[in-house]
Amino acid sequence: MKITVSGTTAHLQGEWTLSGLTQVTIDSLAGALQQIKSEGAKTILIDCRQVTAIDSIGLMILDGLMYIPRLRGVGSELVSLPGKLRSVFMKSGLKISSTHSTINSFH
């Protein structure tokens, strides 16, 4: 479980599962979100192309990652979902935009 930031895009990597979760990971996720420069941006993108696995814990963390920008008045979208992750998100009830390969925050 790793996150890097480039402009207004957060790039997620690795396994977003209970076994990949540590306090250090949680702290680095929070720090990465603080780095995102949302000045003037209407949406923060959360790029999932390098996520290799996700479970219910990972879904809850992503839910939080998508909600935090809303507290600042900025939208958030998950983008570039690999096929297997797309089906997990669809089963979770999140709406997927087929035109942009994104999932909009449901908060």
PDB file of N, CA and C in Angstrom:
ATOM      1  N   MET A   1       0.850  -1.167   0.000  1.00  0.00           N
ATOM      2  CA  MET A   1       0.000   0.000   0.000  1.00  0.00           C
ATOM      3  C   MET A   1       0.893   1.226   0.000  1.00  0.00           C
ATOM      4  N   LYS A   2       0.823   1.983  -1.080  1.00  0.00           N
ATOM      5  CA  LYS A   2       1.671   3.162  -1.216  1.00  0.00           C
ATOM      6  C   LYS A   2       0.924   4.230  -1.994  1.00  0.00           C
ATOM      7  N   ILE A   3       1.254   5.473  -1.701  1.00  0.00           N
ATOM      8  CA  ILE A   3       0.651   6.585  -2.427  1.00  0.00           C
ATOM      9  C   ILE A   3       1.727   7.631  -2.710  1.00  0.00           C
ATOM     10  N   THR A   4       1.743   8.116  -3.945  1.00  0.00           N
ATOM     11  CA  THR A   4       2.615   9.227  -4.317  1.00  0.00           C
ATOM     12  C   THR A   4       1.728  10.311  -4.923  1.00  0.00           C
ATOM     13  N   VAL A   5       2.218  11.531  -4.904  1.00  0.00           N
ATOM     14  CA  VAL A   5       1.414  12.658  -5.364  1.00  0.00           C
ATOM     15  C   VAL A   5       2.145  13.407  -6.459  1.00  0.00           C
ATOM     16  N   SER A   6       1.390  13.757  -7.511  1.00  0.00           N
ATOM     17  CA  SER A   6       1.905  14.570  -8.602  1.00  0.00           C
ATOM     18  C   SER A   6       0.835  15.604  -8.940  1.00  0.00           C
ATOM     19  N   GLY A   7       1.065  16.851  -8.578  1.00  0.00           N
ATOM     20  CA  GLY A   7       0.059  17.894  -8.821  1.00  0.00           C
ATOM     21  C   GLY A   7      -1.216  17.604  -8.054  1.00  0.00           C
ATOM     22  N   THR A   8      -2.315  17.458  -8.768  1.00  0.00           N
ATOM     23  CA  THR A   8      -3.597  17.160  -8.123  1.00  0.00           C
ATOM     24  C   THR A   8      -4.004  15.704  -8.319  1.00  0.00           C
ATOM     25  N   THR A   9      -3.013  14.835  -8.567  1.00  0.00           N
ATOM     26  CA  THR A   9      -3.282  13.411  -8.736  1.00  0.00           C
ATOM     27  C   THR A   9      -2.535  12.609  -7.681  1.00  0.00           C
ATOM     28  N   ALA A  10      -3.270  11.749  -6.999  1.00  0.00           N
ATOM     29  CA  ALA A  10      -2.671  10.806  -6.060  1.00  0.00           C
ATOM     30  C   ALA A  10      -2.575   9.461  -6.774  1.00  0.00           C
ATOM     31  N   HIS A  11      -1.373   8.887  -6.822  1.00  0.00           N
ATOM     32  CA  HIS A  11      -1.138   7.615  -7.502  1.00  0.00           C
ATOM     33  C   HIS A  11      -1.031   6.513  -6.453  1.00  0.00           C
ATOM     34  N   LEU A  12      -1.972   5.566  -6.493  1.00  0.00           N
ATOM     35  CA  LEU A  12      -1.982   4.461  -5.543  1.00  0.00           C
ATOM     36  C   LEU A  12      -1.232   3.282  -6.131  1.00  0.00           C
ATOM     37  N   GLN A  13      -0.534   2.530  -5.264  1.00  0.00           N
ATOM     38  CA  GLN A  13       0.237   1.378  -5.723  1.00  0.00           C
ATOM     39  C   GLN A  13       0.118   0.239  -4.727  1.00  0.00           C
ATOM     40  N   GLY A  14       0.264  -0.983  -5.235  1.00  0.00           N
ATOM     41  CA  GLY A  14       0.367  -2.153  -4.373  1.00  0.00           C
ATOM     42  C   GLY A  14      -0.957  -2.721  -3.921  1.00  0.00           C
ATOM     43  N   GLU A  15      -0.876  -3.494  -2.833  1.00  0.00           N
ATOM     44  CA  GLU A  15      -2.050  -4.171  -2.279  1.00  0.00           C
ATOM     45  C   GLU A  15      -2.716  -3.282  -1.234  1.00  0.00           C
ATOM     46  N   TRP A  16      -3.954  -2.919  -1.499  1.00  0.00           N
ATOM     47  CA  TRP A  16      -4.744  -2.124  -0.565  1.00  0.00           C
ATOM     48  C   TRP A  16      -5.616  -3.084   0.232  1.00  0.00           C
ATOM     49  N   THR A  17      -4.950  -3.773   1.153  1.00  0.00           N
ATOM     50  CA  THR A  17      -5.591  -4.816   1.946  1.00  0.00           C
ATOM     51  C   THR A  17      -5.204  -4.661   3.407  1.00  0.00           C
ATOM     52  N   LEU A  18      -5.863  -5.418   4.274  1.00  0.00           N
ATOM     53  CA  LEU A  18      -5.549  -5.392   5.701  1.00  0.00           C
ATOM     54  C   LEU A  18      -4.085  -5.727   5.937  1.00  0.00           C
ATOM     55  N   SER A  19      -3.556  -6.700   5.210  1.00  0.00           N
ATOM     56  CA  SER A  19      -2.162  -7.096   5.423  1.00  0.00           C
ATOM     57  C   SER A  19      -1.181  -6.010   4.986  1.00  0.00           C
ATOM     58  N   GLY A  20      -1.602  -5.098   4.123  1.00  0.00           N
ATOM     59  CA  GLY A  20      -0.730  -4.018   3.672  1.00  0.00           C
ATOM     60  C   GLY A  20      -0.838  -2.759   4.513  1.00  0.00           C
ATOM     61  N   LEU A  21      -1.682  -2.794   5.526  1.00  0.00           N
ATOM     62  CA  LEU A  21      -1.971  -1.600   6.321  1.00  0.00           C
ATOM     63  C   LEU A  21      -1.107  -1.556   7.575  1.00  0.00           C
ATOM     64  N   THR A  22      -0.419  -0.448   7.774  1.00  0.00           N
ATOM     65  CA  THR A  22       0.343  -0.205   8.997  1.00  0.00           C
ATOM     66  C   THR A  22       0.116   1.238   9.409  1.00  0.00           C
ATOM     67  N   GLN A  23       0.511   1.589  10.625  1.00  0.00           N
ATOM     68  CA  GLN A  23       0.375   2.977  11.078  1.00  0.00           C
ATOM     69  C   GLN A  23       1.214   3.903  10.217  1.00  0.00           C
ATOM     70  N   VAL A  24       2.396   3.425   9.816  1.00  0.00           N
ATOM     71  CA  VAL A  24       3.254   4.230   8.943  1.00  0.00           C
ATOM     72  C   VAL A  24       2.535   4.513   7.630  1.00  0.00           C
ATOM     73  N   THR A  25       1.848   3.495   7.089  1.00  0.00           N
ATOM     74  CA  THR A  25       1.105   3.663   5.841  1.00  0.00           C
ATOM     75  C   THR A  25      -0.003   4.695   6.009  1.00  0.00           C
ATOM     76  N   ILE A  26      -0.731   4.608   7.095  1.00  0.00           N
ATOM     77  CA  ILE A  26      -1.820   5.556   7.346  1.00  0.00           C
ATOM     78  C   ILE A  26      -1.261   6.974   7.446  1.00  0.00           C
ATOM     79  N   ASP A  27      -0.161   7.137   8.165  1.00  0.00           N
ATOM     80  CA  ASP A  27       0.450   8.461   8.291  1.00  0.00           C
ATOM     81  C   ASP A  27       0.927   8.986   6.941  1.00  0.00           C
ATOM     82  N   SER A  28       1.513   8.099   6.114  1.00  0.00           N
ATOM     83  CA  SER A  28       1.996   8.550   4.809  1.00  0.00           C
ATOM     84  C   SER A  28       0.841   8.901   3.881  1.00  0.00           C
ATOM     85  N   LEU A  29      -0.279   8.199   4.002  1.00  0.00           N
ATOM     86  CA  LEU A  29      -1.458   8.530   3.198  1.00  0.00           C
ATOM     87  C   LEU A  29      -1.979   9.906   3.569  1.00  0.00           C
ATOM     88  N   ALA A  30      -2.055  10.171   4.860  1.00  0.00           N
ATOM     89  CA  ALA A  30      -2.538  11.476   5.317  1.00  0.00           C
ATOM     90  C   ALA A  30      -1.588  12.580   4.846  1.00  0.00           C
ATOM     91  N   GLY A  31      -0.292  12.319   4.937  1.00  0.00           N
ATOM     92  CA  GLY A  31       0.695  13.303   4.493  1.00  0.00           C
ATOM     93  C   GLY A  31       0.608  13.562   3.004  1.00  0.00           C
ATOM     94  N   ALA A  32       0.392  12.505   2.237  1.00  0.00           N
ATOM     95  CA  ALA A  32       0.280  12.646   0.784  1.00  0.00           C
ATOM     96  C   ALA A  32      -0.920  13.498   0.420  1.00  0.00           C
ATOM     97  N   LEU A  33      -2.028  13.300   1.117  1.00  0.00           N
ATOM     98  CA  LEU A  33      -3.214  14.109   0.836  1.00  0.00           C
ATOM     99  C   LEU A  33      -2.951  15.573   1.153  1.00  0.00           C
ATOM    100  N   GLN A  34      -2.176  15.833   2.180  1.00  0.00           N
ATOM    101  CA  GLN A  34      -1.856  17.217   2.522  1.00  0.00           C
ATOM    102  C   GLN A  34      -1.001  17.872   1.445  1.00  0.00           C
ATOM    103  N   GLN A  35      -0.216  17.060   0.705  1.00  0.00           N
ATOM    104  CA  GLN A  35       0.652  17.597  -0.348  1.00  0.00           C
ATOM    105  C   GLN A  35      -0.110  18.014  -1.598  1.00  0.00           C
ATOM    106  N   ILE A  36      -1.266  17.422  -1.810  1.00  0.00           N
ATOM    107  CA  ILE A  36      -2.003  17.689  -3.045  1.00  0.00           C
ATOM    108  C   ILE A  36      -2.370  19.160  -3.118  1.00  0.00           C
ATOM    109  N   LYS A  37      -1.963  19.759  -4.195  1.00  0.00           N
ATOM    110  CA  LYS A  37      -2.242  21.177  -4.406  1.00  0.00           C
ATOM    111  C   LYS A  37      -3.575  21.302  -5.143  1.00  0.00           C
ATOM    112  N   SER A  38      -4.608  21.610  -4.401  1.00  0.00           N
ATOM    113  CA  SER A  38      -5.926  21.698  -5.016  1.00  0.00           C
ATOM    114  C   SER A  38      -6.309  23.142  -5.332  1.00  0.00           C
ATOM    115  N   GLU A  39      -5.362  24.054  -5.232  1.00  0.00           N
ATOM    116  CA  GLU A  39      -5.660  25.451  -5.517  1.00  0.00           C
ATOM    117  C   GLU A  39      -6.137  25.603  -6.953  1.00  0.00           C
ATOM    118  N   GLY A  40      -7.343  26.039  -7.106  1.00  0.00           N
ATOM    119  CA  GLY A  40      -7.894  26.237  -8.444  1.00  0.00           C
ATOM    120  C   GLY A  40      -8.433  24.966  -9.083  1.00  0.00           C
ATOM    121  N   ALA A  41      -8.104  23.819  -8.548  1.00  0.00           N
ATOM    122  CA  ALA A  41      -8.585  22.557  -9.107  1.00  0.00           C
ATOM    123  C   ALA A  41      -9.973  22.259  -8.556  1.00  0.00           C
ATOM    124  N   LYS A  42     -10.830  21.752  -9.417  1.00  0.00           N
ATOM    125  CA  LYS A  42     -12.171  21.383  -8.982  1.00  0.00           C
ATOM    126  C   LYS A  42     -12.245  19.921  -8.570  1.00  0.00           C
ATOM    127  N   THR A  43     -11.253  19.130  -9.011  1.00  0.00           N
ATOM    128  CA  THR A  43     -11.268  17.697  -8.742  1.00  0.00           C
ATOM    129  C   THR A  43      -9.864  17.176  -8.496  1.00  0.00           C
ATOM    130  N   ILE A  44      -9.733  16.337  -7.496  1.00  0.00           N
ATOM    131  CA  ILE A  44      -8.498  15.607  -7.247  1.00  0.00           C
ATOM    132  C   ILE A  44      -8.696  14.203  -7.817  1.00  0.00           C
ATOM    133  N   LEU A  45      -7.734  13.742  -8.602  1.00  0.00           N
ATOM    134  CA  LEU A  45      -7.800  12.408  -9.193  1.00  0.00           C
ATOM    135  C   LEU A  45      -7.037  11.420  -8.330  1.00  0.00           C
ATOM    136  N   ILE A  46      -7.613  10.241  -8.148  1.00  0.00           N
ATOM    137  CA  ILE A  46      -6.965   9.163  -7.406  1.00  0.00           C
ATOM    138  C   ILE A  46      -6.747   8.028  -8.392  1.00  0.00           C
ATOM    139  N   ASP A  47      -5.512   7.913  -8.876  1.00  0.00           N
ATOM    140  CA  ASP A  47      -5.135   6.978  -9.938  1.00  0.00           C
ATOM    141  C   ASP A  47      -4.894   5.585  -9.358  1.00  0.00           C
ATOM    142  N   CYS A  48      -5.654   4.612  -9.825  1.00  0.00           N
ATOM    143  CA  CYS A  48      -5.605   3.248  -9.286  1.00  0.00           C
ATOM    144  C   CYS A  48      -4.937   2.241 -10.219  1.00  0.00           C
ATOM    145  N   ARG A  49      -4.301   2.690 -11.285  1.00  0.00           N
ATOM    146  CA  ARG A  49      -3.768   1.756 -12.289  1.00  0.00           C
ATOM    147  C   ARG A  49      -2.755   0.782 -11.731  1.00  0.00           C
ATOM    148  N   GLN A  50      -2.047   1.123 -10.643  1.00  0.00           N
ATOM    149  CA  GLN A  50      -1.042   0.224 -10.093  1.00  0.00           C
ATOM    150  C   GLN A  50      -1.479  -0.478  -8.808  1.00  0.00           C
ATOM    151  N   VAL A  51      -2.784  -0.443  -8.525  1.00  0.00           N
ATOM    152  CA  VAL A  51      -3.308  -1.192  -7.381  1.00  0.00           C
ATOM    153  C   VAL A  51      -3.459  -2.650  -7.817  1.00  0.00           C
ATOM    154  N   THR A  52      -2.827  -3.548  -7.072  1.00  0.00           N
ATOM    155  CA  THR A  52      -2.823  -4.963  -7.467  1.00  0.00           C
ATOM    156  C   THR A  52      -3.886  -5.785  -6.761  1.00  0.00           C
ATOM    157  N   ALA A  53      -4.370  -5.329  -5.606  1.00  0.00           N
ATOM    158  CA  ALA A  53      -5.413  -6.043  -4.867  1.00  0.00           C
ATOM    159  C   ALA A  53      -6.088  -5.066  -3.913  1.00  0.00           C
ATOM    160  N   ILE A  54      -7.333  -5.376  -3.586  1.00  0.00           N
ATOM    161  CA  ILE A  54      -8.062  -4.532  -2.637  1.00  0.00           C
ATOM    162  C   ILE A  54      -9.061  -5.408  -1.891  1.00  0.00           C
ATOM    163  N   ASP A  55      -9.266  -5.100  -0.607  1.00  0.00           N
ATOM    164  CA  ASP A  55     -10.280  -5.797   0.176  1.00  0.00           C
ATOM    165  C   ASP A  55     -11.169  -4.737   0.831  1.00  0.00           C
ATOM    166  N   SER A  56     -12.021  -5.164   1.778  1.00  0.00           N
ATOM    167  CA  SER A  56     -12.955  -4.214   2.390  1.00  0.00           C
ATOM    168  C   SER A  56     -12.220  -3.104   3.149  1.00  0.00           C
ATOM    169  N   ILE A  57     -11.068  -3.417   3.739  1.00  0.00           N
ATOM    170  CA  ILE A  57     -10.282  -2.385   4.420  1.00  0.00           C
ATOM    171  C   ILE A  57      -9.790  -1.357   3.405  1.00  0.00           C
ATOM    172  N   GLY A  58      -9.269  -1.835   2.285  1.00  0.00           N
ATOM    173  CA  GLY A  58      -8.810  -0.936   1.230  1.00  0.00           C
ATOM    174  C   GLY A  58      -9.932  -0.056   0.711  1.00  0.00           C
ATOM    175  N   LEU A  59     -11.120  -0.634   0.559  1.00  0.00           N
ATOM    176  CA  LEU A  59     -12.278   0.153   0.113  1.00  0.00           C
ATOM    177  C   LEU A  59     -12.614   1.257   1.116  1.00  0.00           C
ATOM    178  N   MET A  60     -12.533   0.918   2.419  1.00  0.00           N
ATOM    179  CA  MET A  60     -12.826   1.933   3.437  1.00  0.00           C
ATOM    180  C   MET A  60     -11.790   3.050   3.411  1.00  0.00           C
ATOM    181  N   ILE A  61     -10.524   2.697   3.203  1.00  0.00           N
ATOM    182  CA  ILE A  61      -9.478   3.721   3.132  1.00  0.00           C
ATOM    183  C   ILE A  61      -9.696   4.610   1.910  1.00  0.00           C
ATOM    184  N   LEU A  62     -10.023   4.007   0.774  1.00  0.00           N
ATOM    185  CA  LEU A  62     -10.291   4.797  -0.425  1.00  0.00           C
ATOM    186  C   LEU A  62     -11.496   5.702  -0.232  1.00  0.00           C
ATOM    187  N   ASP A  63     -12.483   5.207   0.481  1.00  0.00           N
ATOM    188  CA  ASP A  63     -13.653   6.026   0.788  1.00  0.00           C
ATOM    189  C   ASP A  63     -13.212   7.279   1.539  1.00  0.00           C
ATOM    190  N   GLY A  64     -12.330   7.105   2.516  1.00  0.00           N
ATOM    191  CA  GLY A  64     -11.810   8.245   3.265  1.00  0.00           C
ATOM    192  C   GLY A  64     -10.979   9.168   2.397  1.00  0.00           C
ATOM    193  N   LEU A  65     -10.143   8.584   1.524  1.00  0.00           N
ATOM    194  CA  LEU A  65      -9.323   9.394   0.627  1.00  0.00           C
ATOM    195  C   LEU A  65     -10.185  10.234  -0.303  1.00  0.00           C
ATOM    196  N   MET A  66     -11.346   9.699  -0.671  1.00  0.00           N
ATOM    197  CA  MET A  66     -12.230  10.442  -1.563  1.00  0.00           C
ATOM    198  C   MET A  66     -13.036  11.494  -0.801  1.00  0.00           C
ATOM    199  N   TYR A  67     -13.252  11.269   0.483  1.00  0.00           N
ATOM    200  CA  TYR A  67     -14.065  12.186   1.271  1.00  0.00           C
ATOM    201  C   TYR A  67     -13.276  13.408   1.741  1.00  0.00           C
ATOM    202  N   ILE A  68     -12.015  13.219   2.097  1.00  0.00           N
ATOM    203  CA  ILE A  68     -11.212  14.305   2.654  1.00  0.00           C
ATOM    204  C   ILE A  68     -11.182  15.539   1.750  1.00  0.00           C
ATOM    205  N   PRO A  69     -10.962  15.399   0.436  1.00  0.00           N
ATOM    206  CA  PRO A  69     -10.978  16.607  -0.411  1.00  0.00           C
ATOM    207  C   PRO A  69     -12.319  17.350  -0.365  1.00  0.00           C
ATOM    208  N   ARG A  70     -13.404  16.600  -0.188  1.00  0.00           N
ATOM    209  CA  ARG A  70     -14.730  17.236  -0.110  1.00  0.00           C
ATOM    210  C   ARG A  70     -14.805  18.219   1.047  1.00  0.00           C
ATOM    211  N   LEU A  71     -14.075  17.912   2.128  1.00  0.00           N
ATOM    212  CA  LEU A  71     -14.061  18.820   3.276  1.00  0.00           C
ATOM    213  C   LEU A  71     -13.442  20.159   2.908  1.00  0.00           C
ATOM    214  N   ARG A  72     -12.645  20.172   1.846  1.00  0.00           N
ATOM    215  CA  ARG A  72     -12.016  21.394   1.348  1.00  0.00           C
ATOM    216  C   ARG A  72     -12.782  21.980   0.169  1.00  0.00           C
ATOM    217  N   GLY A  73     -13.938  21.394  -0.144  1.00  0.00           N
ATOM    218  CA  GLY A  73     -14.744  21.903  -1.250  1.00  0.00           C
ATOM    219  C   GLY A  73     -14.259  21.460  -2.615  1.00  0.00           C
ATOM    220  N   VAL A  74     -13.485  20.378  -2.672  1.00  0.00           N
ATOM    221  CA  VAL A  74     -12.924  19.864  -3.916  1.00  0.00           C
ATOM    222  C   VAL A  74     -13.486  18.465  -4.165  1.00  0.00           C
ATOM    223  N   GLY A  75     -13.825  18.160  -5.411  1.00  0.00           N
ATOM    224  CA  GLY A  75     -14.309  16.836  -5.762  1.00  0.00           C
ATOM    225  C   GLY A  75     -13.172  15.835  -5.833  1.00  0.00           C
ATOM    226  N   SER A  76     -13.517  14.566  -5.908  1.00  0.00           N
ATOM    227  CA  SER A  76     -12.508  13.521  -6.040  1.00  0.00           C
ATOM    228  C   SER A  76     -13.043  12.422  -6.942  1.00  0.00           C
ATOM    229  N   GLU A  77     -12.140  11.831  -7.713  1.00  0.00           N
ATOM    230  CA  GLU A  77     -12.520  10.740  -8.608  1.00  0.00           C
ATOM    231  C   GLU A  77     -11.440   9.680  -8.635  1.00  0.00           C
ATOM    232  N   LEU A  78     -11.855   8.418  -8.593  1.00  0.00           N
ATOM    233  CA  LEU A  78     -10.937   7.310  -8.818  1.00  0.00           C
ATOM    234  C   LEU A  78     -10.819   7.131 -10.321  1.00  0.00           C
ATOM    235  N   VAL A  79      -9.591   6.999 -10.823  1.00  0.00           N
ATOM    236  CA  VAL A  79      -9.384   6.845 -12.260  1.00  0.00           C
ATOM    237  C   VAL A  79      -8.466   5.655 -12.539  1.00  0.00           C
ATOM    238  N   SER A  80      -8.520   5.182 -13.792  1.00  0.00           N
ATOM    239  CA  SER A  80      -7.645   4.118 -14.303  1.00  0.00           C
ATOM    240  C   SER A  80      -7.737   2.832 -13.481  1.00  0.00           C
ATOM    241  N   LEU A  81      -8.943   2.353 -13.325  1.00  0.00           N
ATOM    242  CA  LEU A  81      -9.150   1.116 -12.575  1.00  0.00           C
ATOM    243  C   LEU A  81      -8.857  -0.114 -13.427  1.00  0.00           C
ATOM    244  N   PRO A  82      -7.957  -1.000 -12.957  1.00  0.00           N
ATOM    245  CA  PRO A  82      -7.760  -2.261 -13.665  1.00  0.00           C
ATOM    246  C   PRO A  82      -9.062  -3.076 -13.647  1.00  0.00           C
ATOM    247  N   GLY A  83      -9.228  -3.982 -14.596  1.00  0.00           N
ATOM    248  CA  GLY A  83     -10.466  -4.749 -14.749  1.00  0.00           C
ATOM    249  C   GLY A  83     -10.977  -5.416 -13.490  1.00  0.00           C
ATOM    250  N   LYS A  84     -10.102  -6.136 -12.769  1.00  0.00           N
ATOM    251  CA  LYS A  84     -10.545  -6.830 -11.554  1.00  0.00           C
ATOM    252  C   LYS A  84     -11.023  -5.845 -10.497  1.00  0.00           C
ATOM    253  N   LEU A  85     -10.328  -4.725 -10.373  1.00  0.00           N
ATOM    254  CA  LEU A  85     -10.743  -3.729  -9.385  1.00  0.00           C
ATOM    255  C   LEU A  85     -12.062  -3.091  -9.778  1.00  0.00           C
ATOM    256  N   ARG A  86     -12.252  -2.907 -11.071  1.00  0.00           N
ATOM    257  CA  ARG A  86     -13.508  -2.329 -11.558  1.00  0.00           C
ATOM    258  C   ARG A  86     -14.698  -3.175 -11.086  1.00  0.00           C
ATOM    259  N   SER A  87     -14.566  -4.492 -11.171  1.00  0.00           N
ATOM    260  CA  SER A  87     -15.681  -5.355 -10.748  1.00  0.00           C
ATOM    261  C   SER A  87     -15.877  -5.292  -9.238  1.00  0.00           C
ATOM    262  N   VAL A  88     -14.789  -5.176  -8.462  1.00  0.00           N
ATOM    263  CA  VAL A  88     -14.916  -5.036  -7.008  1.00  0.00           C
ATOM    264  C   VAL A  88     -15.665  -3.753  -6.673  1.00  0.00           C
ATOM    265  N   PHE A  89     -15.311  -2.667  -7.348  1.00  0.00           N
ATOM    266  CA  PHE A  89     -15.973  -1.399  -7.082  1.00  0.00           C
ATOM    267  C   PHE A  89     -17.441  -1.439  -7.495  1.00  0.00           C
ATOM    268  N   MET A  90     -17.740  -2.079  -8.608  1.00  0.00           N
ATOM    269  CA  MET A  90     -19.133  -2.174  -9.040  1.00  0.00           C
ATOM    270  C   MET A  90     -19.943  -2.968  -8.018  1.00  0.00           C
ATOM    271  N   LYS A  91     -19.384  -4.053  -7.485  1.00  0.00           N
ATOM    272  CA  LYS A  91     -20.072  -4.854  -6.474  1.00  0.00           C
ATOM    273  C   LYS A  91     -20.255  -4.075  -5.176  1.00  0.00           C
ATOM    274  N   SER A  92     -19.358  -3.124  -4.918  1.00  0.00           N
ATOM    275  CA  SER A  92     -19.448  -2.351  -3.682  1.00  0.00           C
ATOM    276  C   SER A  92     -20.541  -1.284  -3.741  1.00  0.00           C
ATOM    277  N   GLY A  93     -21.088  -1.059  -4.937  1.00  0.00           N
ATOM    278  CA  GLY A  93     -22.150  -0.067  -5.073  1.00  0.00           C
ATOM    279  C   GLY A  93     -21.677   1.282  -5.559  1.00  0.00           C
ATOM    280  N   LEU A  94     -20.389   1.442  -5.801  1.00  0.00           N
ATOM    281  CA  LEU A  94     -19.885   2.703  -6.322  1.00  0.00           C
ATOM    282  C   LEU A  94     -20.248   2.824  -7.794  1.00  0.00           C
ATOM    283  N   LYS A  95     -20.564   4.017  -8.210  1.00  0.00           N
ATOM    284  CA  LYS A  95     -20.930   4.238  -9.607  1.00  0.00           C
ATOM    285  C   LYS A  95     -19.683   4.513 -10.432  1.00  0.00           C
ATOM    286  N   ILE A  96     -19.567   3.835 -11.552  1.00  0.00           N
ATOM    287  CA  ILE A  96     -18.419   3.988 -12.426  1.00  0.00           C
ATOM    288  C   ILE A  96     -18.845   4.738 -13.676  1.00  0.00           C
ATOM    289  N   SER A  97     -18.070   5.743 -14.035  1.00  0.00           N
ATOM    290  CA  SER A  97     -18.312   6.479 -15.268  1.00  0.00           C
ATOM    291  C   SER A  97     -17.587   5.772 -16.397  1.00  0.00           C
ATOM    292  N   SER A  98     -18.318   5.212 -17.346  1.00  0.00           N
ATOM    293  CA  SER A  98     -17.685   4.462 -18.431  1.00  0.00           C
ATOM    294  C   SER A  98     -16.943   5.374 -19.406  1.00  0.00           C
ATOM    295  N   THR A  99     -17.311   6.640 -19.456  1.00  0.00           N
ATOM    296  CA  THR A  99     -16.657   7.529 -20.412  1.00  0.00           C
ATOM    297  C   THR A  99     -15.264   7.947 -19.973  1.00  0.00           C
ATOM    298  N   HIS A 100     -15.045   8.045 -18.669  1.00  0.00           N
ATOM    299  CA  HIS A 100     -13.742   8.486 -18.181  1.00  0.00           C
ATOM    300  C   HIS A 100     -13.040   7.418 -17.354  1.00  0.00           C
ATOM    301  N   SER A 101     -13.579   6.210 -17.279  1.00  0.00           N
ATOM    302  CA  SER A 101     -13.023   5.150 -16.443  1.00  0.00           C
ATOM    303  C   SER A 101     -12.807   5.639 -15.022  1.00  0.00           C
ATOM    304  N   THR A 102     -13.800   6.331 -14.494  1.00  0.00           N
ATOM    305  CA  THR A 102     -13.667   6.866 -13.150  1.00  0.00           C
ATOM    306  C   THR A 102     -14.809   6.395 -12.274  1.00  0.00           C
ATOM    307  N   ILE A 103     -14.597   6.545 -10.995  1.00  0.00           N
ATOM    308  CA  ILE A 103     -15.659   6.337 -10.000  1.00  0.00           C
ATOM    309  C   ILE A 103     -15.762   7.637  -9.241  1.00  0.00           C
ATOM    310  N   ASN A 104     -16.947   8.195  -9.187  1.00  0.00           N
ATOM    311  CA  ASN A 104     -17.138   9.437  -8.471  1.00  0.00           C
ATOM    312  C   ASN A 104     -17.356   9.162  -6.992  1.00  0.00           C
ATOM    313  N   SER A 105     -16.882  10.062  -6.167  1.00  0.00           N
ATOM    314  CA  SER A 105     -17.087   9.924  -4.741  1.00  0.00           C
ATOM    315  C   SER A 105     -18.588   9.920  -4.454  1.00  0.00           C
ATOM    316  N   PHE A 106     -19.006   9.073  -3.533  1.00  0.00           N
ATOM    317  CA  PHE A 106     -20.429   9.008  -3.221  1.00  0.00           C
ATOM    318  C   PHE A 106     -20.777   9.763  -1.958  1.00  0.00           C
ATOM    319  N   HIS A 107     -19.904  10.630  -1.515  1.00  0.00           N
ATOM    320  CA  HIS A 107     -20.220  11.472  -0.335  1.00  0.00           C
ATOM    321  C   HIS A 107     -20.809  12.769  -0.792  1.00  0.00           C
TER     322      HIS A 107
END
